[in-house]
Amino acid sequence: MRYESVIKAGESSTVEFKSSFNQEVIEAVGAFANKHGGVIFVGLRSLCRSPMLKS
């Protein structure tokens, strides 16, 4: 899986961005576990503007 392309595509039913590890991350893990799985990126905001990615 190429994480850069997943991040650029943005959030979806199987991709979540969380700015920090907190209760929301734990809830997202539970939700993904009860569905078809997914990927959670901790340290990214929903707008997908991160110093890790250079446009």
Protein backbone atom coordinates (compact mmCIF):
# COMPACT_ATOMS: atom_id res chain seq x y z
CA MET A 1 0.00 0.00 0.00
CA ARG A 2 1.33 3.42 -0.91
CA TYR A 3 0.46 5.60 2.06
CA GLU A 4 1.14 8.84 0.21
CA SER A 5 -1.61 8.12 -2.34
CA VAL A 6 -4.02 7.02 0.41
CA ILE A 7 -3.36 10.23 2.34
CA LYS A 8 -3.76 12.42 -0.75
CA ALA A 9 -7.10 10.74 -1.53
CA GLY A 10 -8.40 11.90 1.87
CA GLU A 11 -10.71 10.38 4.42
CA SER A 12 -13.20 7.72 3.42
CA SER A 13 -15.16 4.88 4.96
CA THR A 14 -11.86 3.05 5.50
CA VAL A 15 -9.42 5.94 6.08
CA GLU A 16 -9.39 8.29 9.08
CA PHE A 17 -7.04 11.12 10.02
CA LYS A 18 -6.57 11.99 13.68
CA SER A 19 -4.40 14.88 14.86
CA SER A 20 -3.41 13.09 18.08
CA PHE A 21 -3.92 9.80 19.89
CA ASN A 22 -7.00 10.16 22.05
CA GLN A 23 -10.44 8.64 22.71
CA GLU A 24 -11.51 9.34 19.11
CA VAL A 25 -8.74 7.04 17.83
CA ILE A 26 -9.88 4.26 20.13
CA GLU A 27 -13.46 4.68 18.91
CA ALA A 28 -12.30 4.63 15.27
CA VAL A 29 -10.36 1.41 15.90
CA GLY A 30 -13.51 -0.16 17.32
CA ALA A 31 -15.60 1.02 14.39
CA PHE A 32 -13.13 -0.34 11.83
CA ALA A 33 -12.90 -3.63 13.73
CA ASN A 34 -16.67 -4.00 13.55
CA LYS A 35 -16.77 -3.28 9.80
CA HIS A 36 -14.34 -4.19 7.04
CA GLY A 37 -11.20 -2.70 8.55
CA GLY A 38 -9.39 0.47 7.66
CA VAL A 39 -6.38 2.69 8.19
CA ILE A 40 -6.00 5.38 10.84
CA PHE A 41 -3.28 7.98 10.43
CA VAL A 42 -2.42 9.61 13.76
CA GLY A 43 -0.72 12.99 13.45
CA LEU A 44 -2.67 14.18 10.41
CA ARG A 45 -5.64 16.52 10.33
CA SER A 46 -8.72 15.91 8.20
CA LEU A 47 -7.65 18.57 5.71
CA CYS A 48 -4.60 16.44 4.97
CA ARG A 49 -2.10 19.26 5.43
CA SER A 50 0.92 17.71 7.00
CA PRO A 51 4.57 18.69 7.03
CA MET A 52 5.27 15.09 5.97
CA LEU A 53 3.77 15.72 2.52
CA LYS A 54 5.19 18.28 0.17
CA SER A 55 2.98 19.46 -2.66
